[in-house]
C-alpha atoms as a PDB file:
ATOM      1  CA  UNK A   1     -14.474  -9.024 -18.643  1.00  0.00           C
ATOM      2  CA  UNK A   2     -11.027  -7.486 -18.693  1.00  0.00           C
ATOM      3  CA  UNK A   3      -8.686  -7.677 -15.738  1.00  0.00           C
ATOM      4  CA  UNK A   4      -9.628  -5.680 -12.602  1.00  0.00           C
ATOM      5  CA  UNK A   5      -8.675  -2.005 -12.487  1.00  0.00           C
ATOM      6  CA  UNK A   6      -7.163  -2.537  -9.031  1.00  0.00           C
ATOM      7  CA  UNK A   7      -4.248  -4.645 -10.300  1.00  0.00           C
ATOM      8  CA  UNK A   8      -1.862  -1.680 -10.388  1.00  0.00           C
ATOM      9  CA  UNK A   9      -2.878  -0.665  -6.863  1.00  0.00           C
ATOM     10  CA  UNK A  10      -2.296  -4.210  -5.663  1.00  0.00           C
ATOM     11  CA  UNK A  11       1.176  -4.305  -7.243  1.00  0.00           C
ATOM     12  CA  UNK A  12       2.019  -0.989  -5.573  1.00  0.00           C
ATOM     13  CA  UNK A  13       0.830  -2.407  -2.251  1.00  0.00           C
ATOM     14  CA  UNK A  14       3.025  -5.485  -2.547  1.00  0.00           C
ATOM     15  CA  UNK A  15       6.008  -3.247  -3.307  1.00  0.00           C
ATOM     16  CA  UNK A  16       5.322  -1.023  -0.311  1.00  0.00           C
ATOM     17  CA  UNK A  17       4.919  -4.019   1.973  1.00  0.00           C
ATOM     18  CA  UNK A  18       8.176  -5.410   0.580  1.00  0.00           C
ATOM     19  CA  UNK A  19       9.853  -2.092   1.354  1.00  0.00           C
ATOM     20  CA  UNK A  20       8.676  -2.248   4.966  1.00  0.00           C
ATOM     21  CA  UNK A  21       9.774  -5.874   5.273  1.00  0.00           C
ATOM     22  CA  UNK A  22      13.165  -5.073   3.782  1.00  0.00           C
ATOM     23  CA  UNK A  23      13.834  -2.508   6.488  1.00  0.00           C
ATOM     24  CA  UNK A  24      13.584  -5.086   9.277  1.00  0.00           C
ATOM     25  CA  UNK A  25      16.621  -6.863  10.617  1.00  0.00           C
ATOM     26  CA  UNK A  26      16.224 -10.457  11.775  1.00  0.00           C
ATOM     27  CA  UNK A  27      16.410  -9.271  15.379  1.00  0.00           C
ATOM     28  CA  UNK A  28      13.436  -6.947  14.857  1.00  0.00           C
ATOM     29  CA  UNK A  29      10.999  -9.692  13.817  1.00  0.00           C
ATOM     30  CA  UNK A  30      10.036 -10.461  17.418  1.00  0.00           C
ATOM     31  CA  UNK A  31       9.353  -6.820  18.253  1.00  0.00           C
ATOM     32  CA  UNK A  32       5.658  -5.901  18.656  1.00  0.00           C
ATOM     33  CA  UNK A  33       3.921  -4.527  15.591  1.00  0.00           C
ATOM     34  CA  UNK A  34       1.429  -1.680  15.850  1.00  0.00           C
ATOM     35  CA  UNK A  35      -1.381  -4.241  16.156  1.00  0.00           C
ATOM     36  CA  UNK A  36      -2.025  -5.004  19.838  1.00  0.00           C
ATOM     37  CA  UNK A  37      -0.799  -8.478  20.733  1.00  0.00           C
ATOM     38  CA  UNK A  38       0.803  -9.113  17.330  1.00  0.00           C
ATOM     39  CA  UNK A  39       4.553  -9.371  16.905  1.00  0.00           C
ATOM     40  CA  UNK A  40       5.974  -8.472  13.529  1.00  0.00           C
ATOM     41  CA  UNK A  41       6.719 -12.183  13.124  1.00  0.00           C
ATOM     42  CA  UNK A  42       3.048 -13.066  13.570  1.00  0.00           C
ATOM     43  CA  UNK A  43       1.905 -10.259  11.282  1.00  0.00           C
ATOM     44  CA  UNK A  44       4.258 -11.454   8.535  1.00  0.00           C
ATOM     45  CA  UNK A  45       2.966 -15.003   8.938  1.00  0.00           C
ATOM     46  CA  UNK A  46      -0.592 -13.677   8.647  1.00  0.00           C
ATOM     47  CA  UNK A  47       0.226 -11.814   5.432  1.00  0.00           C
ATOM     48  CA  UNK A  48       1.878 -14.899   3.906  1.00  0.00           C
ATOM     49  CA  UNK A  49      -1.084 -17.144   4.689  1.00  0.00           C
ATOM     50  CA  UNK A  50      -3.493 -14.496   3.408  1.00  0.00           C
ATOM     51  CA  UNK A  51      -1.767 -14.653   0.015  1.00  0.00           C
ATOM     52  CA  UNK A  52      -2.272 -18.405  -0.130  1.00  0.00           C
ATOM     53  CA  UNK A  53      -5.897 -18.056   0.988  1.00  0.00           C
ATOM     54  CA  UNK A  54      -6.567 -15.650  -1.868  1.00  0.00           C
ATOM     55  CA  UNK A  55      -4.869 -18.111  -4.237  1.00  0.00           C
ATOM     56  CA  UNK A  56      -7.559 -20.561  -3.138  1.00  0.00           C
ATOM     57  CA  UNK A  57     -10.267 -18.134  -4.237  1.00  0.00           C
ATOM     58  CA  UNK A  58      -8.629 -17.730  -7.632  1.00  0.00           C
ATOM     59  CA  UNK A  59      -8.408 -21.522  -7.956  1.00  0.00           C
ATOM     60  CA  UNK A  60     -12.145 -21.610  -7.244  1.00  0.00           C
ATOM     61  CA  UNK A  61     -12.742 -18.972  -9.938  1.00  0.00           C
ATOM     62  CA  UNK A  62     -10.564 -20.770 -12.481  1.00  0.00           C
ATOM     63  CA  UNK A  63     -11.856 -24.309 -11.937  1.00  0.00           C
ATOM     64  CA  UNK A  64     -15.387 -23.810 -10.657  1.00  0.00           C
ATOM     65  CA  UNK A  65     -14.575 -26.168  -7.768  1.00  0.00           C
ATOM     66  CA  UNK A  66     -15.419 -24.605  -4.406  1.00  0.00           C
ATOM     67  CA  UNK A  67     -12.103 -23.834  -2.715  1.00  0.00           C
ATOM     68  CA  UNK A  68     -12.565 -21.735   0.423  1.00  0.00           C
ATOM     69  CA  UNK A  69      -9.908 -19.378   1.678  1.00  0.00           C
ATOM     70  CA  UNK A  70      -9.377 -21.565   4.745  1.00  0.00           C
ATOM     71  CA  UNK A  71     -10.606 -25.070   5.523  1.00  0.00           C
ATOM     72  CA  UNK A  72     -11.744 -23.756   8.918  1.00  0.00           C
ATOM     73  CA  UNK A  73     -10.982 -20.977  11.367  1.00  0.00           C
ATOM     74  CA  UNK A  74      -8.861 -23.475  13.299  1.00  0.00           C
ATOM     75  CA  UNK A  75      -6.884 -24.343  10.176  1.00  0.00           C
ATOM     76  CA  UNK A  76      -6.371 -20.643   9.499  1.00  0.00           C
ATOM     77  CA  UNK A  77      -4.960 -20.019  12.960  1.00  0.00           C
ATOM     78  CA  UNK A  78      -2.794 -23.137  12.804  1.00  0.00           C
ATOM     79  CA  UNK A  79      -1.326 -22.084   9.470  1.00  0.00           C
ATOM     80  CA  UNK A  80      -0.425 -18.651  10.762  1.00  0.00           C
ATOM     81  CA  UNK A  81       1.030 -20.059  13.992  1.00  0.00           C
ATOM     82  CA  UNK A  82       3.163 -22.537  12.045  1.00  0.00           C
ATOM     83  CA  UNK A  83       4.572 -19.838   9.775  1.00  0.00           C
ATOM     84  CA  UNK A  84       5.233 -17.591  12.777  1.00  0.00           C
ATOM     85  CA  UNK A  85       7.586 -20.265  14.151  1.00  0.00           C
ATOM     86  CA  UNK A  86       9.889 -19.980  11.141  1.00  0.00           C
ATOM     87  CA  UNK A  87      13.250 -18.294  11.579  1.00  0.00           C
ATOM     88  CA  UNK A  88      13.397 -14.705  10.299  1.00  0.00           C
ATOM     89  CA  UNK A  89      15.231 -15.664   7.056  1.00  0.00           C
ATOM     90  CA  UNK A  90      12.767 -18.504   6.456  1.00  0.00           C
ATOM     91  CA  UNK A  91       9.762 -16.306   7.164  1.00  0.00           C
ATOM     92  CA  UNK A  92      11.068 -13.523   4.954  1.00  0.00           C
ATOM     93  CA  UNK A  93      11.461 -16.055   2.145  1.00  0.00           C
ATOM     94  CA  UNK A  94       7.997 -17.489   2.812  1.00  0.00           C
ATOM     95  CA  UNK A  95       6.355 -14.063   2.559  1.00  0.00           C
ATOM     96  CA  UNK A  96       8.039 -13.483  -0.777  1.00  0.00           C
ATOM     97  CA  UNK A  97       7.208 -16.981  -2.015  1.00  0.00           C
ATOM     98  CA  UNK A  98       3.537 -16.662  -1.045  1.00  0.00           C
ATOM     99  CA  UNK A  99       3.376 -13.281  -2.752  1.00  0.00           C
ATOM    100  CA  UNK A 100       4.856 -14.889  -5.857  1.00  0.00           C
ATOM    101  CA  UNK A 101       2.280 -17.680  -5.776  1.00  0.00           C
ATOM    102  CA  UNK A 102      -0.498 -15.119  -5.623  1.00  0.00           C
ATOM    103  CA  UNK A 103       1.018 -13.123  -8.481  1.00  0.00           C
ATOM    104  CA  UNK A 104       1.156 -16.285 -10.606  1.00  0.00           C
ATOM    105  CA  UNK A 105      -2.482 -17.036  -9.781  1.00  0.00           C
ATOM    106  CA  UNK A 106      -3.598 -13.501 -10.620  1.00  0.00           C
ATOM    107  CA  UNK A 107      -1.715 -13.247 -13.887  1.00  0.00           C
ATOM    108  CA  UNK A 108      -2.685 -16.783 -14.892  1.00  0.00           C
ATOM    109  CA  UNK A 109      -6.429 -16.288 -14.397  1.00  0.00           C
ATOM    110  CA  UNK A 110      -8.366 -16.283 -17.686  1.00  0.00           C
ATOM    111  CA  UNK A 111     -10.206 -13.014 -18.312  1.00  0.00           C
ATOM    112  CA  UNK A 112     -13.612 -14.693 -18.212  1.00  0.00           C
ATOM    113  CA  UNK A 113     -12.914 -16.151 -14.741  1.00  0.00           C
ATOM    114  CA  UNK A 114     -12.810 -12.715 -13.101  1.00  0.00           C
ATOM    115  CA  UNK A 115     -16.628 -12.694 -13.029  1.00  0.00           C
ATOM    116  CA  UNK A 116     -16.827 -16.049 -11.201  1.00  0.00           C
ATOM    117  CA  UNK A 117     -18.461 -15.845  -7.775  1.00  0.00           C
ATOM    118  CA  UNK A 118     -16.399 -16.847  -4.755  1.00  0.00           C
ATOM    119  CA  UNK A 119     -16.884 -16.459  -1.014  1.00  0.00           C
ATOM    120  CA  UNK A 120     -14.754 -14.562   1.467  1.00  0.00           C
ATOM    121  CA  UNK A 121     -13.754 -15.915   4.875  1.00  0.00           C
ATOM    122  CA  UNK A 122     -16.548 -13.761   6.342  1.00  0.00           C
ATOM    123  CA  UNK A 123     -19.075 -15.551   4.136  1.00  0.00           C
ATOM    124  CA  UNK A 124     -19.664 -12.718   1.660  1.00  0.00           C
ATOM    125  CA  UNK A 125     -20.130 -13.710  -1.983  1.00  0.00           C
ATOM    126  CA  UNK A 126     -18.046 -11.554  -4.331  1.00  0.00           C
ATOM    127  CA  UNK A 127     -16.738 -11.742  -7.893  1.00  0.00           C
ATOM    128  CA  UNK A 128     -13.149 -12.943  -8.249  1.00  0.00           C
ATOM    129  CA  UNK A 129     -12.352  -9.457  -9.524  1.00  0.00           C
ATOM    130  CA  UNK A 130     -12.523  -8.283  -5.894  1.00  0.00           C
ATOM    131  CA  UNK A 131      -9.570 -10.479  -4.866  1.00  0.00           C
ATOM    132  CA  UNK A 132      -6.835  -8.012  -5.911  1.00  0.00           C
ATOM    133  CA  UNK A 133      -8.551  -5.289  -3.875  1.00  0.00           C
ATOM    134  CA  UNK A 134      -8.815  -7.622  -0.875  1.00  0.00           C
ATOM    135  CA  UNK A 135      -5.060  -8.138  -1.061  1.00  0.00           C
ATOM    136  CA  UNK A 136      -4.425  -4.473  -1.794  1.00  0.00           C
ATOM    137  CA  UNK A 137      -5.995  -3.265   1.433  1.00  0.00           C
ATOM    138  CA  UNK A 138      -4.262  -6.110   3.309  1.00  0.00           C
ATOM    139  CA  UNK A 139      -0.730  -5.206   2.245  1.00  0.00           C
ATOM    140  CA  UNK A 140      -1.101  -1.435   2.466  1.00  0.00           C
ATOM    141  CA  UNK A 141      -2.581  -1.487   5.969  1.00  0.00           C
ATOM    142  CA  UNK A 142      -0.187  -4.131   7.273  1.00  0.00           C
ATOM    143  CA  UNK A 143       2.785  -2.290   5.765  1.00  0.00           C
ATOM    144  CA  UNK A 144       1.855   0.479   8.209  1.00  0.00           C
ATOM    145  CA  UNK A 145       1.279  -2.035  11.016  1.00  0.00           C
ATOM    146  CA  UNK A 146       4.833  -3.369  10.641  1.00  0.00           C
ATOM    147  CA  UNK A 147       6.057  -0.081  12.159  1.00  0.00           C
ATOM    148  CA  UNK A 148       9.052   0.038   9.834  1.00  0.00           C
ATOM    149  CA  UNK A 149       8.774   3.651   8.727  1.00  0.00           C
ATOM    150  CA  UNK A 150       5.772   3.280   6.390  1.00  0.00           C
ATOM    151  CA  UNK A 151       2.711   5.419   7.159  1.00  0.00           C
ATOM    152  CA  UNK A 152      -0.551   6.121   5.360  1.00  0.00           C
ATOM    153  CA  UNK A 153       1.134   9.236   3.962  1.00  0.00           C
ATOM    154  CA  UNK A 154       3.110   6.798   1.771  1.00  0.00           C
ATOM    155  CA  UNK A 155      -0.139   5.472   0.251  1.00  0.00           C
ATOM    156  CA  UNK A 156      -1.606   7.219  -2.794  1.00  0.00           C
ATOM    157  CA  UNK A 157      -4.586   9.433  -2.034  1.00  0.00           C
ATOM    158  CA  UNK A 158      -6.864   7.526  -4.412  1.00  0.00           C
ATOM    159  CA  UNK A 159      -6.066   4.258  -2.633  1.00  0.00           C
ATOM    160  CA  UNK A 160      -6.651   5.780   0.783  1.00  0.00           C
ATOM    161  CA  UNK A 161      -9.984   7.164  -0.442  1.00  0.00           C
ATOM    162  CA  UNK A 162     -10.933   3.709  -1.722  1.00  0.00           C
ATOM    163  CA  UNK A 163     -10.080   2.257   1.692  1.00  0.00           C
ATOM    164  CA  UNK A 164     -12.328   4.787   3.410  1.00  0.00           C
ATOM    165  CA  UNK A 165     -15.079   3.952   0.894  1.00  0.00           C
ATOM    166  CA  UNK A 166     -14.551   0.305   1.848  1.00  0.00           C
ATOM    167  CA  UNK A 167     -14.851   1.075   5.553  1.00  0.00           C
ATOM    168  CA  UNK A 168     -18.185   2.817   5.077  1.00  0.00           C
ATOM    169  CA  UNK A 169     -19.475  -0.006   2.840  1.00  0.00           C
ATOM    170  CA  UNK A 170     -18.552  -2.576   5.487  1.00  0.00           C
ATOM    171  CA  UNK A 171     -20.322  -0.572   8.177  1.00  0.00           C
ATOM    172  CA  UNK A 172     -23.360  -0.156   5.964  1.00  0.00           C
ATOM    173  CA  UNK A 173     -23.606  -3.910   5.358  1.00  0.00           C
ATOM    174  CA  UNK A 174     -23.617  -4.478   9.123  1.00  0.00           C
ATOM    175  CA  UNK A 175     -25.930  -1.516   9.780  1.00  0.00           C
ATOM    176  CA  UNK A 176     -23.187   0.057  11.939  1.00  0.00           C
ATOM    177  CA  UNK A 177     -22.543   3.374  10.180  1.00  0.00           C
ATOM    178  CA  UNK A 178     -21.600   5.854  12.940  1.00  0.00           C
ATOM    179  CA  UNK A 179     -23.215   9.273  13.279  1.00  0.00           C
ATOM    180  CA  UNK A 180     -20.340  11.108  11.576  1.00  0.00           C
ATOM    181  CA  UNK A 181     -19.549  13.077   8.485  1.00  0.00           C
ATOM    182  CA  UNK A 182     -15.852  12.962   7.639  1.00  0.00           C
ATOM    183  CA  UNK A 183     -13.937  15.572   5.634  1.00  0.00           C
ATOM    184  CA  UNK A 184     -10.453  15.257   4.143  1.00  0.00           C
ATOM    185  CA  UNK A 185      -9.664  18.055   1.726  1.00  0.00           C
ATOM    186  CA  UNK A 186     -12.446  18.062  -0.871  1.00  0.00           C
ATOM    187  CA  UNK A 187     -13.489  14.489  -0.005  1.00  0.00           C
ATOM    188  CA  UNK A 188     -16.478  13.723   2.191  1.00  0.00           C
ATOM    189  CA  UNK A 189     -17.952  10.563   3.701  1.00  0.00           C
ATOM    190  CA  UNK A 190     -21.014   9.908   5.808  1.00  0.00           C
ATOM    191  CA  UNK A 191     -24.107  11.956   6.576  1.00  0.00           C
ATOM    192  CA  UNK A 192     -24.012  12.046  10.371  1.00  0.00           C
ATOM    193  CA  UNK A 193     -24.270  14.952  12.788  1.00  0.00           C
ATOM    194  CA  UNK A 194     -20.697  14.863  14.122  1.00  0.00           C
ATOM    195  CA  UNK A 195     -18.216  16.502  11.740  1.00  0.00           C
ATOM    196  CA  UNK A 196     -14.663  15.143  11.795  1.00  0.00           C
ATOM    197  CA  UNK A 197     -11.974  16.619   9.579  1.00  0.00           C
ATOM    198  CA  UNK A 198      -8.263  16.414   8.948  1.00  0.00           C
ATOM    199  CA  UNK A 199      -5.605  15.227   6.520  1.00  0.00           C
ATOM    200  CA  UNK A 200      -6.477  12.124   4.529  1.00  0.00           C
ATOM    201  CA  UNK A 201      -3.732   9.932   6.112  1.00  0.00           C
ATOM    202  CA  UNK A 202      -5.079  10.798   9.579  1.00  0.00           C
ATOM    203  CA  UNK A 203      -8.633   9.989   8.441  1.00  0.00           C
ATOM    204  CA  UNK A 204      -7.530   6.668   6.949  1.00  0.00           C
ATOM    205  CA  UNK A 205      -5.615   5.689  10.082  1.00  0.00           C
ATOM    206  CA  UNK A 206      -8.600   6.531  12.310  1.00  0.00           C
ATOM    207  CA  UNK A 207     -11.274   4.793  10.245  1.00  0.00           C
ATOM    208  CA  UNK A 208      -9.202   1.628   9.771  1.00  0.00           C
ATOM    209  CA  UNK A 209      -8.631   1.410  13.526  1.00  0.00           C
ATOM    210  CA  UNK A 210      -4.969   2.368  13.413  1.00  0.00           C
ATOM    211  CA  UNK A 211      -5.344   5.636  15.347  1.00  0.00           C
ATOM    212  CA  UNK A 212      -7.684   7.088  17.987  1.00  0.00           C
ATOM    213  CA  UNK A 213      -7.986  10.154  15.771  1.00  0.00           C
ATOM    214  CA  UNK A 214      -4.581  11.798  16.029  1.00  0.00           C
ATOM    215  CA  UNK A 215      -4.391  14.850  13.768  1.00  0.00           C
ATOM    216  CA  UNK A 216      -8.182  15.157  13.413  1.00  0.00           C
ATOM    217  CA  UNK A 217     -10.554  17.766  14.785  1.00  0.00           C
ATOM    218  CA  UNK A 218     -14.207  17.427  15.802  1.00  0.00           C
ATOM    219  CA  UNK A 219     -16.661  19.314  17.964  1.00  0.00           C
ATOM    220  CA  UNK A 220     -16.816  17.534  21.286  1.00  0.00           C
ATOM    221  CA  UNK A 221     -13.864  15.243  20.630  1.00  0.00           C
ATOM    222  CA  UNK A 222     -13.209  12.385  18.225  1.00  0.00           C
ATOM    223  CA  UNK A 223     -15.923   9.722  18.547  1.00  0.00           C
ATOM    224  CA  UNK A 224     -15.231   6.016  18.725  1.00  0.00           C
ATOM    225  CA  UNK A 225     -16.096   4.135  15.547  1.00  0.00           C
ATOM    226  CA  UNK A 226     -16.837   0.432  14.940  1.00  0.00           C
ATOM    227  CA  UNK A 227     -14.234  -2.037  13.742  1.00  0.00           C
ATOM    228  CA  UNK A 228     -13.729  -2.138   9.985  1.00  0.00           C
ATOM    229  CA  UNK A 229     -12.988  -5.803   9.228  1.00  0.00           C
END
């Protein structure tokens, strides 16, 4: 197979995340992010370790040797906590270095290895070709979470639509699809009885758990929806 079609989206996501990171002064690293209970420092550590975890999946695809994203949930948390203790200059450099390691792994993967089956941290078996998309949604959403002036309005419509597709697929796998039908321009998701509509960035923020539904309209109020990831 040829390389995944999502590679350009992923590269755009890394650039947008880098833009958000570049806007932060060292003093702003300890400020809360938009994720409850997460400082920007912790979020940046999470993003760095995620890059290395996805490198593990690409190693698995390249070598055929099972290499999970994380050795254990405890190891995952310890790795993030350790990176979060770095000074702001060190953490900034670590985010960029981890991103570079992932880029090397992506661009160094033989074409035939993209069809290799690997397993996500949630236990789902996927082709290696899904790894760039996994990182894509990670960096776009967390670029918003950094609260450094990036919003979903800065994300291309086709990428936002793919994220919403992803949300509904995740819900469907868990048999948790809410009773909604969602409209954003000429796009539509769901087949439920409660109609929710609004601009695509507002829809994306709501369905990914980043907004209670600001900017959306629905008969009877905006319903609560399940977690995405």
